[in-house]
Amino acid sequence: MRRAIYITLLCSILSLGSCSYIEGYIDHLEERTSNKPLARVGEVFLYPKDVAHLIPSGTTPQDSIAIIEKYIDGWATRQLVLMEAHKTISSEELEMEVSQFKELLLQGKYDQMVLSSQLDTVITREEMEEYYTAHKDLFLLEDDIVLFSSLPVTYCDDALVKRLKRAFARQTAPRLKTQRETDSLRAVWTWKGSIEEIMNEEAYNAPLVVDNWVAIDRISNTYITPEGFSYDIKHAFPYVFTLSRDGDKFLCRTTQIKRAGELAPLEYVETQVRAILLNRRKVETIRSSQERLKNEALNNKKFEIFTSNEDN
């Protein structure tokens, strides 16, 4: 009962601490109560000053009591666990593990500082191609992937969608009036260029069409697909179709497929290759830094290796 009254008094003091007109009275009460413990476990005591930060300004005494009692319960449990742990773990063993942890923590912080100041994070295309070529066995596909292009057509009218769909399905330049004109167009014609030309003519502002290798399962799991999609996407090239998601529509095209078990295109695993090379570079940067420190210590006589002298 006395404990509940004491905590209530303490909570009232803490919750009223921001009211300037009773600051003097609060200071007087705090002085009287600050040295009286709230709880004890063994020889460890919990004092009001240890919980003062837990009570936000304006908290009611009832809520403050709940907050403090919950904290006391958790504090007591931690202290009891620590008491039992000290019985089973020797001070020497604990000090050794703390020392080892401190060393690992310091080394980790130092390594982070070295990487922040010395690591070159630029991975060139040539470096990625070299590693990819030398380690092809690491980049075999687990799933079927396709070379996938898409264009948002949510706000296009039906006529424009039909025109874009015909352009998506085209493989070569259209025939013109004469063979010479056709040959001249074929020399500069590209599929993406023909799409951009239509978009410019229609003043349709949309992201440029980009080819990306994408897992078929990812497409199926992300979009609402048309009937026959599962078969057509693996057998029809080019395959032109429409996808939808959250009310948006996309005109899409696939032109190539890579089966599970085949070598993945570099473009598909570029992020993975880059991460591998960057991790290797991190290891080398840290190793070089450590080697430099050791050589400097040897030169400055801060590091010596003592060997036995058979003559002595």
Foldseek 3Di string as FASTA:
>chain_A
DVLVVLLLVLLVLLQCCVPVVCVVVSVVVCVVQQPPFSDDDDHDTHGSVNCSVVDDHNDHSVVSSVRVVVVVVVVNVVVVVVVVVCVVDDPVRVVVVVVVVVVVVVLVVVLVVLCVVPFDLDDDPVNLVVVCVVPLVVFFAQAKKFFKKKWWCLPPDPVLVVVLLVLQPDDFDDDDPDPVVRVVCRVPDDSQVVNVVSCVVVVNDTDRIDIDIDGPVVLVVAWDFDPPCVPCVVPDAFDWGWTDDPSIIMTMTTHDMDGGRHGDPCRHCVVVSSVVVSVVSSVVSSVVVVVVVVVVCVVVVVDDDDDDDPVD
